[in-house]
């Protein structure tokens, strides 16, 4: 086994004898040649061994190398005995004071591999990136990108974080090195898309840059889109080489959706159920008028949701199975409703089927905006006609919030101010006939959301003495609270614990871009001293928005950009041991 030499020492020795050095440069070498025959290589420089058994998807740290002289870089099989065994040699001359990344890429026998769709040469070679930067200022990360997948076409790389998204590199083809990009040190999704088509997502990867503040990463596409057509080589992926030589795989972000499940089937025989998904138990003894929090579930595949008695032992005991296919990055509510034996219950006055089913709502919301509460309503009372839900005003007046909502349907979302309301339920089109009134105290839900659902039976005696009619609210965290009848002395539990998030967070300002007003939201799981400041791109303090103790909950702070120049600004929060940075754009 050959000895691995210290990089700096080796490169200092390979300068041509007697040559006058014109200074030094910084160099990092990355092995990204996916050809299985080059899974491990030896690297020689000017005939001397530099790297022994250099593995695929490995990188050296940045090291100091001679500048102004020719470095003949030879690549040989991992079993080589000397520089005479090199497969190819590449002359490299570096400029004094420069910083470079050299990527070994391509395949040894192009005819044995799939051609590049854009007609680019895929033979083994070394690609060089110059003007590489390894350090930046507070809270930011410098990124470069390299397309090293021989059988992949040109692509765009687009970063997403919350509601913010931006194409970082456009039209990058095989062998191309993208320009330097500066981003905040956050947790991003990186979409690989067709050029100029941000919706045509080929693959998505997670890039957690929170630990790289003030540093840099060289992101490179690696492997084959179709390994079977490329000698069974490694599959496609995104990787990041750090200045230290560490190479990190960016995990694939599989298509996912957000889902909340609510049990609103009032049949006494379904007072508690077991819920299976594709044969696996998801919810055990799931009670009537209970809800799950919003959870991440696979998208783009069929989810066979089976509902079984609470005494079930496997998915084979399911009473009914409902196939659901959810769209990627979409948010849903799935409402279980109806009765198991419709013939034993009162028919729906509007003729709607009341058999047990699951009703999905696409485009569900977990948050409101501008400090308001996003509210949708669901009619889940099988023996009730279509209804209107109205907001009671003074002097006997009322305003419609939801109109002509029939059994088994969701309404659209309404953005309500965070305060208390009296909700009147009336037959559709009959505002003067109030069937029931309920109090909905939304005062603690600013910036949140709720699903208000009608539940139970108008006449329990005709429905196997099931639960009586009422209005309930399911919150994104899974809490379900009963809305008390209007005029009752029972205090509403709607705000109990609902406004207290589980973790601290800093939201994206809205609107963004803005002129000149915008709102910044943050959440606190406990009372904390909060510092919220705004900086310009040079790190200068622009506004000191908050510097005080704030209680647990969701807070909204207005920012007025009047008098400031158009451009990019950063806002930073420090609350206890939590810190985060967001960015916003003022456009005038």
Protein backbone atom coordinates (compact mmCIF):
# COMPACT_ATOMS: atom_id res chain seq x y z
CA UNK A 1 0.00 0.00 0.00
CA UNK A 2 1.43 3.34 -1.04
CA UNK A 3 1.82 6.09 1.53
CA UNK A 4 -0.46 9.13 1.31
CA UNK A 5 1.71 12.23 1.33
CA UNK A 6 0.82 15.49 2.92
CA UNK A 7 -0.73 17.58 0.15
CA UNK A 8 1.11 20.79 0.83
CA UNK A 9 4.47 19.03 0.99
CA UNK A 10 3.82 16.95 -2.12
CA UNK A 11 2.78 19.91 -4.22
CA UNK A 12 5.73 21.94 -3.02
CA UNK A 13 8.05 19.19 -4.29
CA UNK A 14 6.49 18.79 -7.71
CA UNK A 15 7.49 22.23 -9.03
CA UNK A 16 9.84 21.92 -11.96
CA UNK A 17 13.47 21.81 -10.74
CA UNK A 18 15.11 25.17 -10.94
CA UNK A 19 11.87 26.98 -11.87
CA UNK A 20 11.36 30.40 -10.36
CA UNK A 21 8.05 30.25 -8.55
CA UNK A 22 5.67 33.11 -9.23
CA UNK A 23 3.87 32.71 -5.92
CA UNK A 24 1.26 30.27 -4.70
CA UNK A 25 -2.42 29.50 -5.18
CA UNK A 26 -5.11 27.57 -3.26
CA UNK A 27 -6.51 24.35 -4.77
CA UNK A 28 -9.17 21.77 -3.91
CA UNK A 29 -9.51 18.54 -5.95
CA UNK A 30 -12.83 16.65 -6.22
CA UNK A 31 -13.21 13.15 -7.70
CA UNK A 32 -16.61 13.11 -9.47
CA UNK A 33 -16.00 10.66 -12.32
CA UNK A 34 -18.90 8.21 -12.01
CA UNK A 35 -17.42 5.57 -14.34
CA UNK A 36 -17.33 2.36 -12.23
CA UNK A 37 -13.83 1.72 -13.63
CA UNK A 38 -12.70 4.94 -11.92
CA UNK A 39 -14.29 4.28 -8.53
CA UNK A 40 -10.86 4.81 -7.02
CA UNK A 41 -7.91 6.53 -8.72
CA UNK A 42 -4.33 7.57 -8.04
CA UNK A 43 -3.39 11.19 -8.75
CA UNK A 44 0.14 12.06 -9.88
CA UNK A 45 1.55 15.58 -10.27
CA UNK A 46 4.69 15.98 -12.39
CA UNK A 47 5.35 12.27 -11.99
CA UNK A 48 5.03 12.13 -8.20
CA UNK A 49 2.14 10.45 -6.36
CA UNK A 50 -0.16 13.05 -4.80
CA UNK A 51 -3.30 11.08 -3.89
CA UNK A 52 -3.43 7.32 -3.39
CA UNK A 53 -6.75 5.46 -3.84
CA UNK A 54 -8.67 8.72 -4.19
CA UNK A 55 -12.33 7.63 -3.91
CA UNK A 56 -15.29 8.70 -6.02
CA UNK A 57 -17.16 11.64 -4.42
CA UNK A 58 -14.16 12.47 -2.22
CA UNK A 59 -12.42 15.85 -1.99
CA UNK A 60 -9.18 17.26 -0.67
CA UNK A 61 -9.12 20.31 1.58
CA UNK A 62 -7.89 23.56 0.05
CA UNK A 63 -4.09 23.44 0.05
CA UNK A 64 -1.33 25.81 -1.01
CA UNK A 65 0.20 24.90 -4.40
CA UNK A 66 2.87 26.44 -6.67
CA UNK A 67 1.59 29.11 -9.07
CA UNK A 68 3.03 30.18 -12.39
CA UNK A 69 4.40 26.72 -13.29
CA UNK A 70 2.85 23.85 -15.20
CA UNK A 71 1.44 21.08 -12.99
CA UNK A 72 0.97 17.95 -15.08
CA UNK A 73 -1.88 16.18 -13.29
CA UNK A 74 -2.03 12.49 -14.17
CA UNK A 75 -4.96 10.22 -13.28
CA UNK A 76 -4.22 6.50 -12.97
CA UNK A 77 -6.12 3.41 -11.79
CA UNK A 78 -6.15 2.81 -8.05
CA UNK A 79 -3.84 -0.17 -8.67
CA UNK A 80 -1.14 1.91 -10.37
CA UNK A 81 2.53 1.32 -9.60
CA UNK A 82 3.91 4.58 -10.98
CA UNK A 83 3.12 7.61 -13.12
CA UNK A 84 3.69 5.38 -16.16
CA UNK A 85 0.23 3.87 -15.53
CA UNK A 86 -1.70 7.13 -15.92
CA UNK A 87 -4.85 7.02 -18.04
CA UNK A 88 -4.72 10.73 -18.88
CA UNK A 89 -2.59 13.76 -18.08
CA UNK A 90 -3.86 17.32 -17.83
CA UNK A 91 -1.51 20.34 -17.72
CA UNK A 92 -2.65 22.95 -15.20
CA UNK A 93 -1.14 26.40 -14.59
CA UNK A 94 -2.54 28.44 -11.71
CA UNK A 95 -2.33 32.19 -11.19
CA UNK A 96 -0.63 33.53 -8.09
CA UNK A 97 -3.07 34.40 -5.34
CA UNK A 98 -5.93 32.52 -6.99
CA UNK A 99 -8.26 29.97 -5.39
CA UNK A 100 -9.39 27.02 -7.53
CA UNK A 101 -11.48 23.86 -7.49
CA UNK A 102 -10.47 21.08 -9.91
CA UNK A 103 -13.13 18.43 -10.60
CA UNK A 104 -12.16 15.10 -12.16
CA UNK A 105 -15.20 14.07 -14.20
CA UNK A 106 -16.44 12.04 -17.15
CA UNK A 107 -16.01 8.43 -18.28
CA UNK A 108 -13.01 6.51 -19.64
CA UNK A 109 -14.82 5.00 -22.66
CA UNK A 110 -17.58 7.39 -23.82
CA UNK A 111 -18.89 4.87 -26.37
CA UNK A 112 -19.84 2.49 -23.54
CA UNK A 113 -22.03 5.09 -21.82
CA UNK A 114 -25.19 7.06 -22.61
CA UNK A 115 -24.46 10.18 -24.64
CA UNK A 116 -25.04 13.62 -23.20
CA UNK A 117 -28.48 14.91 -24.33
CA UNK A 118 -26.98 18.29 -25.23
CA UNK A 119 -24.20 16.72 -27.31
CA UNK A 120 -21.40 17.60 -24.88
CA UNK A 121 -18.26 15.49 -24.66
CA UNK A 122 -18.31 13.10 -21.69
CA UNK A 123 -14.74 11.81 -21.88
CA UNK A 124 -12.69 11.80 -18.72
CA UNK A 125 -11.20 15.23 -18.01
CA UNK A 126 -10.59 17.84 -15.34
CA UNK A 127 -12.86 20.88 -15.07
CA UNK A 128 -11.52 23.93 -13.25
CA UNK A 129 -13.39 26.61 -11.32
CA UNK A 130 -11.47 29.77 -10.59
CA UNK A 131 -12.19 32.78 -8.39
CA UNK A 132 -13.49 30.49 -5.66
CA UNK A 133 -14.26 32.17 -2.33
CA UNK A 134 -14.28 30.27 0.96
CA UNK A 135 -15.36 32.91 3.49
CA UNK A 136 -18.12 35.50 3.72
CA UNK A 137 -19.78 37.71 6.34
CA UNK A 138 -22.25 37.02 9.19
CA UNK A 139 -25.24 34.83 8.58
CA UNK A 140 -24.49 34.08 4.92
CA UNK A 141 -23.01 31.27 2.81
CA UNK A 142 -21.22 31.40 -0.56
CA UNK A 143 -22.23 28.72 -3.09
CA UNK A 144 -20.84 27.54 -6.43
CA UNK A 145 -22.47 24.82 -8.53
CA UNK A 146 -21.09 22.27 -10.99
CA UNK A 147 -23.00 20.00 -13.40
CA UNK A 148 -21.19 16.66 -13.38
CA UNK A 149 -23.88 14.17 -14.50
CA UNK A 150 -22.85 13.03 -17.99
CA UNK A 151 -26.30 11.79 -19.11
CA UNK A 152 -28.29 14.75 -17.78
CA UNK A 153 -29.41 17.76 -19.85
CA UNK A 154 -28.94 21.40 -18.90
CA UNK A 155 -30.98 22.36 -15.83
CA UNK A 156 -31.87 25.21 -13.51
CA UNK A 157 -31.18 24.96 -9.79
CA UNK A 158 -33.80 26.78 -7.72
CA UNK A 159 -33.69 27.31 -3.94
CA UNK A 160 -36.80 27.45 -1.76
CA UNK A 161 -37.30 28.38 1.90
CA UNK A 162 -40.84 28.98 3.13
CA UNK A 163 -42.60 31.25 0.65
CA UNK A 164 -39.28 32.52 -0.79
CA UNK A 165 -37.85 30.94 -3.92
CA UNK A 166 -35.23 31.94 -6.46
CA UNK A 167 -33.34 30.42 -9.39
CA UNK A 168 -29.71 30.43 -8.28
CA UNK A 169 -28.26 28.97 -11.50
CA UNK A 170 -30.03 28.86 -14.84
CA UNK A 171 -29.28 26.74 -17.91
CA UNK A 172 -26.31 24.90 -16.39
CA UNK A 173 -25.18 22.13 -18.75
CA UNK A 174 -22.80 19.24 -18.22
CA UNK A 175 -19.32 20.52 -17.36
CA UNK A 176 -20.53 24.04 -16.52
CA UNK A 177 -19.58 25.83 -13.31
CA UNK A 178 -22.18 28.26 -12.03
CA UNK A 179 -21.34 31.73 -10.75
CA UNK A 180 -20.93 32.46 -7.04
CA UNK A 181 -24.19 32.96 -5.16
CA UNK A 182 -24.69 34.47 -1.68
CA UNK A 183 -27.54 33.08 0.45
CA UNK A 184 -28.56 33.23 4.08
CA UNK A 185 -27.44 30.35 6.26
CA UNK A 186 -30.84 28.60 6.32
CA UNK A 187 -32.47 25.25 5.62
CA UNK A 188 -33.38 25.13 1.92
CA UNK A 189 -34.99 22.90 -0.66
CA UNK A 190 -33.09 22.79 -3.95
CA UNK A 191 -35.25 22.02 -6.99
CA UNK A 192 -33.60 20.69 -10.16
CA UNK A 193 -35.87 21.96 -12.94
CA UNK A 194 -35.95 22.17 -16.71
CA UNK A 195 -34.42 25.46 -17.94
CA UNK A 196 -36.86 28.35 -17.65
CA UNK A 197 -39.61 26.06 -16.30
CA UNK A 198 -39.67 26.39 -12.49
CA UNK A 199 -42.75 24.15 -12.25
CA UNK A 200 -41.07 21.28 -14.14
CA UNK A 201 -39.26 19.81 -11.14
CA UNK A 202 -37.01 16.85 -11.98
CA UNK A 203 -35.80 16.24 -8.42
CA UNK A 204 -35.66 18.03 -5.08
CA UNK A 205 -32.94 17.91 -2.44
CA UNK A 206 -32.59 19.31 1.07
CA UNK A 207 -29.67 21.65 1.75
CA UNK A 208 -29.27 22.55 5.41
CA UNK A 209 -26.79 25.43 5.38
CA UNK A 210 -27.44 26.62 8.93
CA UNK A 211 -24.07 25.35 10.14
CA UNK A 212 -22.10 27.02 7.31
CA UNK A 213 -22.54 30.68 8.27
CA UNK A 214 -19.58 32.76 7.06
CA UNK A 215 -18.38 29.80 4.97
CA UNK A 216 -18.89 28.24 1.57
CA UNK A 217 -19.83 25.05 -0.28
CA UNK A 218 -19.18 23.72 -3.78
CA UNK A 219 -22.39 21.95 -4.86
CA UNK A 220 -21.99 19.35 -7.59
CA UNK A 221 -24.36 17.09 -9.50
CA UNK A 222 -23.02 13.56 -9.57
CA UNK A 223 -23.82 10.10 -10.95
CA UNK A 224 -26.19 8.97 -13.69
CA UNK A 225 -29.88 9.65 -14.29
CA UNK A 226 -30.11 6.13 -15.76
CA UNK A 227 -27.55 3.84 -14.12
CA UNK A 228 -28.75 0.86 -16.19
CA UNK A 229 -27.62 2.62 -19.38
CA UNK A 230 -24.28 3.55 -17.83
CA UNK A 231 -22.65 0.31 -16.75
CA UNK A 232 -24.61 0.14 -13.51
CA UNK A 233 -22.84 3.21 -12.17
CA UNK A 234 -24.07 5.25 -9.19
CA UNK A 235 -27.40 7.08 -9.38
CA UNK A 236 -27.90 10.81 -9.67
CA UNK A 237 -27.54 13.04 -6.61
CA UNK A 238 -26.43 16.43 -5.35
CA UNK A 239 -23.37 16.72 -3.11
CA UNK A 240 -21.55 19.57 -1.40
CA UNK A 241 -17.79 19.77 -0.94
CA UNK A 242 -16.73 21.97 1.97
CA UNK A 243 -13.39 23.81 2.19
CA UNK A 244 -12.17 21.26 4.76
CA UNK A 245 -12.51 18.43 2.22
CA UNK A 246 -15.67 17.01 3.76
CA UNK A 247 -18.23 15.91 1.15
CA UNK A 248 -21.88 15.92 2.22
CA UNK A 249 -24.71 14.20 0.32
CA UNK A 250 -27.79 16.41 0.02
CA UNK A 251 -30.70 14.09 0.86
CA UNK A 252 -33.42 13.73 -1.74
CA UNK A 253 -36.65 15.47 -0.81
CA UNK A 254 -39.33 12.98 -1.84
CA UNK A 255 -42.72 14.30 -2.96
CA UNK A 256 -44.61 15.05 0.23
CA UNK A 257 -47.92 16.59 1.22
CA UNK A 258 -49.31 17.89 4.49
CA UNK A 259 -52.39 16.16 5.92
CA UNK A 260 -54.72 16.50 8.88
CA UNK A 261 -57.31 13.79 9.59
CA UNK A 262 -60.52 14.58 11.51
CA UNK A 263 -62.93 11.92 12.81
CA UNK A 264 -66.47 13.30 12.45
CA UNK A 265 -68.50 10.14 11.82
CA UNK A 266 -71.29 10.35 14.42
CA UNK A 267 -72.43 6.73 14.10
CA UNK A 268 -72.18 5.30 17.66
CA UNK A 269 -70.67 2.14 16.12
CA UNK A 270 -67.73 4.30 14.99
CA UNK A 271 -67.18 6.12 18.28
CA UNK A 272 -63.56 5.00 18.04
CA UNK A 273 -61.84 3.57 14.97
CA UNK A 274 -58.45 2.34 13.85
CA UNK A 275 -57.02 3.97 10.74
CA UNK A 276 -54.68 2.08 8.41
CA UNK A 277 -52.68 3.48 5.49
CA UNK A 278 -51.45 0.99 2.89
CA UNK A 279 -51.85 -1.77 5.42
CA UNK A 280 -49.97 -0.10 8.28
CA UNK A 281 -51.67 1.17 11.43
CA UNK A 282 -51.65 4.98 11.48
CA UNK A 283 -54.12 5.80 14.28
CA UNK A 284 -55.15 3.45 17.07
CA UNK A 285 -58.51 4.02 18.82
CA UNK A 286 -59.06 7.32 16.99
CA UNK A 287 -61.99 8.92 18.83
CA UNK A 288 -65.04 10.71 17.43
CA UNK A 289 -64.44 14.49 17.24
CA UNK A 290 -60.67 14.03 17.43
CA UNK A 291 -58.07 15.30 14.96
CA UNK A 292 -54.45 14.71 14.14
CA UNK A 293 -52.00 17.58 13.77
CA UNK A 294 -50.87 18.30 10.22
CA UNK A 295 -48.27 15.69 9.31
CA UNK A 296 -46.04 15.01 6.30
CA UNK A 297 -47.23 12.13 4.10
CA UNK A 298 -46.05 10.76 0.73
CA UNK A 299 -47.46 12.51 -2.33
CA UNK A 300 -47.95 11.25 -5.85
CA UNK A 301 -48.72 7.70 -4.74
CA UNK A 302 -51.98 6.01 -3.81
CA UNK A 303 -52.67 6.03 -0.08
CA UNK A 304 -55.24 3.36 0.70
CA UNK A 305 -56.89 4.66 3.88
CA UNK A 306 -58.67 1.85 5.70
CA UNK A 307 -61.13 2.49 8.54
CA UNK A 308 -61.55 -0.43 10.96
CA UNK A 309 -63.26 -1.01 14.33
CA UNK A 310 -61.21 -0.01 17.36
CA UNK A 311 -60.87 -3.72 18.15
CA UNK A 312 -59.12 -4.46 14.85
CA UNK A 313 -55.93 -6.49 14.75
CA UNK A 314 -54.86 -5.74 11.18
CA UNK A 315 -55.84 -3.89 8.02
CA UNK A 316 -57.86 -6.97 7.02
CA UNK A 317 -60.52 -5.83 9.51
CA UNK A 318 -61.16 -2.54 7.66
CA UNK A 319 -64.83 -1.64 7.19
CA UNK A 320 -64.04 0.55 4.20
CA UNK A 321 -60.97 1.58 2.22
CA UNK A 322 -60.62 4.95 0.49
CA UNK A 323 -57.82 5.60 -2.05
CA UNK A 324 -56.26 9.06 -1.82
CA UNK A 325 -53.62 10.52 -4.14
CA UNK A 326 -52.18 13.79 -2.83
CA UNK A 327 -50.28 16.39 -4.84
CA UNK A 328 -46.70 17.28 -3.99
CA UNK A 329 -46.35 20.31 -1.65
CA UNK A 330 -50.12 20.53 -1.23
CA UNK A 331 -51.89 20.70 2.14
CA UNK A 332 -55.04 18.69 2.87
CA UNK A 333 -57.70 18.03 5.48
CA UNK A 334 -59.35 14.59 5.33
CA UNK A 335 -62.73 14.50 7.10
CA UNK A 336 -64.18 11.09 8.04
CA UNK A 337 -67.96 11.45 8.08
CA UNK A 338 -71.21 9.51 7.62
CA UNK A 339 -72.67 6.30 9.06
CA UNK A 340 -71.89 2.65 8.52
CA UNK A 341 -75.51 1.52 7.82
CA UNK A 342 -77.43 4.40 6.15
CA UNK A 343 -80.71 2.43 6.30
CA UNK A 344 -80.66 2.59 10.10
CA UNK A 345 -80.39 6.40 10.26
CA UNK A 346 -82.47 9.38 9.23
CA UNK A 347 -82.01 10.32 5.58
CA UNK A 348 -80.39 13.60 4.59
CA UNK A 349 -83.09 16.21 3.77
CA UNK A 350 -81.22 17.22 0.63
CA UNK A 351 -80.89 13.66 -0.61
CA UNK A 352 -77.13 13.46 -0.09
CA UNK A 353 -75.59 10.05 0.51
CA UNK A 354 -74.79 9.59 4.21
CA UNK A 355 -72.71 6.41 3.94
CA UNK A 356 -69.38 6.41 5.71
CA UNK A 357 -66.70 8.13 3.63
CA UNK A 358 -63.62 10.33 3.76
CA UNK A 359 -63.93 13.82 2.23
CA UNK A 360 -60.62 15.52 1.31
CA UNK A 361 -60.04 19.27 1.18
CA UNK A 362 -57.14 20.39 -1.02
CA UNK A 363 -55.53 23.74 -0.38
CA UNK A 364 -55.99 23.54 3.38
CA UNK A 365 -54.26 26.20 5.42
CA UNK A 366 -52.18 26.01 8.59
CA UNK A 367 -51.76 29.78 8.94
CA UNK A 368 -53.57 32.98 8.20
CA UNK A 369 -52.00 36.24 7.12
CA UNK A 370 -51.93 39.85 8.29
CA UNK A 371 -52.66 38.56 11.79
CA UNK A 372 -56.01 37.09 10.71
CA UNK A 373 -57.40 33.59 11.18
CA UNK A 374 -57.93 31.33 8.15
CA UNK A 375 -61.26 29.54 8.70
CA UNK A 376 -63.03 26.91 6.58
CA UNK A 377 -66.34 25.21 7.49
CA UNK A 378 -67.48 21.62 6.93
CA UNK A 379 -71.07 20.36 7.07
CA UNK A 380 -70.89 16.98 8.80
CA UNK A 381 -74.41 16.54 10.26
CA UNK A 382 -76.05 13.80 8.19
CA UNK A 383 -79.69 14.69 9.07
CA UNK A 384 -79.32 18.47 8.60
CA UNK A 385 -80.28 20.42 5.44
CA UNK A 386 -78.02 22.89 3.64
CA UNK A 387 -77.20 25.82 5.92
CA UNK A 388 -75.77 29.32 6.05
CA UNK A 389 -73.35 30.38 8.79
CA UNK A 390 -73.77 34.04 9.66
CA UNK A 391 -71.94 36.50 11.87
CA UNK A 392 -74.33 38.07 14.37
CA UNK A 393 -74.15 41.87 14.58
CA UNK A 394 -75.89 44.43 16.79
CA UNK A 395 -79.60 45.21 16.62
CA UNK A 396 -80.52 41.81 15.21
CA UNK A 397 -78.48 42.17 12.05
CA UNK A 398 -76.09 39.55 10.63
CA UNK A 399 -73.63 39.02 7.79
CA UNK A 400 -73.16 35.78 5.81
CA UNK A 401 -69.82 34.04 6.32
CA UNK A 402 -70.71 30.75 4.61
CA UNK A 403 -73.69 30.27 2.31
CA UNK A 404 -75.57 27.19 1.06
CA UNK A 405 -73.25 24.63 2.64
CA UNK A 406 -74.73 21.17 2.19
CA UNK A 407 -73.84 17.91 3.94
CA UNK A 408 -70.41 16.51 3.04
CA UNK A 409 -68.99 19.76 1.68
CA UNK A 410 -66.26 22.18 2.73
CA UNK A 411 -66.59 25.92 2.29
CA UNK A 412 -63.83 28.14 0.96
CA UNK A 413 -61.50 29.86 3.41
CA UNK A 414 -62.45 33.14 5.05
CA UNK A 415 -59.87 35.38 6.72
CA UNK A 416 -61.38 36.61 10.00
CA UNK A 417 -59.99 39.11 12.45
CA UNK A 418 -58.66 37.54 15.63
CA UNK A 419 -61.58 38.33 17.96
CA UNK A 420 -64.73 36.73 19.34
CA UNK A 421 -67.74 36.01 17.07
CA UNK A 422 -71.29 34.82 17.52
CA UNK A 423 -72.05 32.36 14.72
CA UNK A 424 -75.65 31.74 13.69
CA UNK A 425 -76.64 28.56 11.84
CA UNK A 426 -79.66 29.12 9.59
CA UNK A 427 -81.33 27.10 6.82
CA UNK A 428 -79.82 28.12 3.48
CA UNK A 429 -81.40 31.35 2.24
CA UNK A 430 -83.40 31.95 5.45
CA UNK A 431 -81.39 34.49 7.49
CA UNK A 432 -84.28 35.10 9.88
CA UNK A 433 -84.56 31.45 10.96
CA UNK A 434 -81.76 30.83 13.43
CA UNK A 435 -81.43 27.13 14.26
CA UNK A 436 -78.56 27.54 16.70
CA UNK A 437 -75.97 30.12 17.78
CA UNK A 438 -72.44 29.48 18.98
CA UNK A 439 -69.55 31.56 20.31
CA UNK A 440 -66.22 31.30 18.47
CA UNK A 441 -63.48 33.11 20.34
CA UNK A 442 -60.65 33.56 17.83
CA UNK A 443 -58.88 36.27 19.81
CA UNK A 444 -55.85 34.04 20.55
CA UNK A 445 -55.50 32.62 17.04
CA UNK A 446 -54.11 35.59 15.11
CA UNK A 447 -52.06 34.29 12.21
CA UNK A 448 -53.44 30.77 12.71
CA UNK A 449 -56.16 28.62 11.18
CA UNK A 450 -59.18 26.51 12.13
CA UNK A 451 -61.56 24.00 10.55
CA UNK A 452 -65.04 24.64 11.95
CA UNK A 453 -67.22 21.56 11.47
CA UNK A 454 -70.88 20.78 12.14
CA UNK A 455 -71.10 17.48 13.97
CA UNK A 456 -73.68 15.08 15.40
CA UNK A 457 -77.42 14.76 14.74
CA UNK A 458 -80.25 17.30 14.84
CA UNK A 459 -82.49 14.52 16.17
CA UNK A 460 -80.49 11.88 18.06
CA UNK A 461 -83.64 9.81 18.74
CA UNK A 462 -83.91 9.04 15.00
CA UNK A 463 -80.21 8.23 14.75
CA UNK A 464 -79.53 5.48 17.28
CA UNK A 465 -79.20 8.09 20.04
CA UNK A 466 -75.94 9.36 18.60
CA UNK A 467 -74.29 12.60 19.70
CA UNK A 468 -76.35 15.79 19.40
CA UNK A 469 -75.62 18.58 16.91
CA UNK A 470 -72.84 21.07 17.67
CA UNK A 471 -70.10 23.17 16.14
CA UNK A 472 -66.48 22.25 16.75
CA UNK A 473 -63.13 23.67 15.67
CA UNK A 474 -60.04 21.64 14.78
CA UNK A 475 -56.76 23.55 15.01
CA UNK A 476 -53.56 22.79 13.04
CA UNK A 477 -51.90 21.30 16.13
CA UNK A 478 -54.66 18.66 16.43
CA UNK A 479 -56.66 20.30 19.25
CA UNK A 480 -60.45 20.02 18.83
CA UNK A 481 -62.63 22.36 20.89
CA UNK A 482 -66.41 22.67 21.19
CA UNK A 483 -67.90 26.07 20.41
CA UNK A 484 -70.26 26.84 23.32
CA UNK A 485 -73.85 27.90 22.63
CA UNK A 486 -74.27 31.68 22.47
CA UNK A 487 -75.47 33.13 25.78
CA UNK A 488 -74.04 30.27 27.83
CA UNK A 489 -71.62 31.03 30.66
CA UNK A 490 -69.24 28.29 29.53
CA UNK A 491 -65.88 29.82 28.60
CA UNK A 492 -64.60 28.91 25.17
CA UNK A 493 -61.53 26.66 25.14
CA UNK A 494 -60.66 27.66 21.61
CA UNK A 495 -57.63 29.69 22.65
CA UNK A 496 -56.42 27.36 25.38
CA UNK A 497 -52.86 26.36 24.45
CA UNK A 498 -53.71 27.05 20.79
CA UNK A 499 -51.64 30.19 20.54
CA UNK A 500 -48.57 28.61 22.14
CA UNK A 501 -46.31 27.04 19.48
CA UNK A 502 -44.14 24.05 20.24
CA UNK A 503 -40.93 25.65 18.95
CA UNK A 504 -39.59 29.13 18.29
CA UNK A 505 -39.69 30.28 14.68
CA UNK A 506 -39.25 33.33 12.47
CA UNK A 507 -41.67 33.70 9.57
CA UNK A 508 -41.21 35.20 6.14
CA UNK A 509 -42.37 38.80 6.08
CA UNK A 510 -45.58 39.52 4.18
CA UNK A 511 -46.10 40.95 1.73
CA UNK A 512 -42.71 40.47 0.10
CA UNK A 513 -41.60 42.41 -1.91
CA UNK A 514 -43.22 45.35 -0.10
CA UNK A 515 -43.70 49.13 -0.36
CA UNK A 516 -43.39 50.57 2.21
CA UNK A 517 -45.21 48.46 4.85
CA UNK A 518 -44.70 44.82 5.70
CA UNK A 519 -45.27 42.51 8.68
CA UNK A 520 -42.79 40.17 10.35
CA UNK A 521 -44.14 37.29 12.45
CA UNK A 522 -42.34 35.21 15.05
CA UNK A 523 -43.43 32.47 17.43
CA UNK A 524 -42.29 31.87 21.02
CA UNK A 525 -42.90 28.63 22.94
CA UNK A 526 -42.25 30.48 26.21
CA UNK A 527 -41.87 34.01 27.51
CA UNK A 528 -38.55 35.40 26.26
CA UNK A 529 -36.61 38.60 25.86
CA UNK A 530 -36.78 39.32 22.15
CA UNK A 531 -34.46 41.36 19.94
CA UNK A 532 -35.71 41.94 16.39
CA UNK A 533 -33.51 44.13 14.21
CA UNK A 534 -33.33 45.06 10.52
CA UNK A 535 -29.99 45.42 8.68
CA UNK A 536 -28.96 46.47 5.19
CA UNK A 537 -26.70 44.35 2.96
CA UNK A 538 -23.60 45.94 4.46
CA UNK A 539 -24.57 44.80 7.95
CA UNK A 540 -25.58 48.26 9.18
CA UNK A 541 -28.48 48.48 11.63
CA UNK A 542 -31.54 50.05 9.97
CA UNK A 543 -34.30 49.56 12.57
CA UNK A 544 -34.53 48.21 16.11
CA UNK A 545 -38.08 46.81 15.99
CA UNK A 546 -38.33 44.86 19.25
CA UNK A 547 -36.17 44.90 22.36
CA UNK A 548 -38.32 43.67 25.23
CA UNK A 549 -39.80 40.64 26.96
CA UNK A 550 -42.65 39.06 24.97
CA UNK A 551 -45.06 36.33 26.17
CA UNK A 552 -45.37 32.89 24.56
CA UNK A 553 -47.40 32.88 21.35
CA UNK A 554 -47.38 34.18 17.80
CA UNK A 555 -46.43 37.86 17.41
CA UNK A 556 -46.67 40.19 14.43
CA UNK A 557 -44.52 43.32 14.11
CA UNK A 558 -45.02 46.00 11.45
CA UNK A 559 -42.03 47.43 9.59
CA UNK A 560 -42.26 50.72 7.71
CA UNK A 561 -39.65 51.13 4.98
CA UNK A 562 -40.51 54.77 4.38
CA UNK A 563 -37.34 56.74 3.76
CA UNK A 564 -35.23 53.69 2.90
CA UNK A 565 -33.78 52.90 -0.51
CA UNK A 566 -35.11 50.03 -2.58
CA UNK A 567 -33.18 46.80 -2.17
CA UNK A 568 -32.52 43.77 -0.02
CA UNK A 569 -32.73 43.94 3.78
CA UNK A 570 -32.17 41.33 6.50
CA UNK A 571 -34.12 40.92 9.74
CA UNK A 572 -32.65 39.01 12.66
CA UNK A 573 -34.31 37.65 15.81
CA UNK A 574 -32.66 36.62 19.06
CA UNK A 575 -34.97 35.12 21.68
CA UNK A 576 -33.37 33.11 24.47
CA UNK A 577 -31.22 30.48 22.73
CA UNK A 578 -33.07 30.90 19.42
CA UNK A 579 -31.66 32.98 16.55
CA UNK A 580 -32.65 33.21 12.90
CA UNK A 581 -32.32 35.57 9.95
CA UNK A 582 -34.82 36.37 7.19
CA UNK A 583 -34.56 38.60 4.20
CA UNK A 584 -37.00 40.93 2.48
CA UNK A 585 -37.06 43.19 -0.54
CA UNK A 586 -38.23 46.81 -0.56
CA UNK A 587 -39.41 47.90 -4.01
CA UNK A 588 -40.42 51.51 -4.67
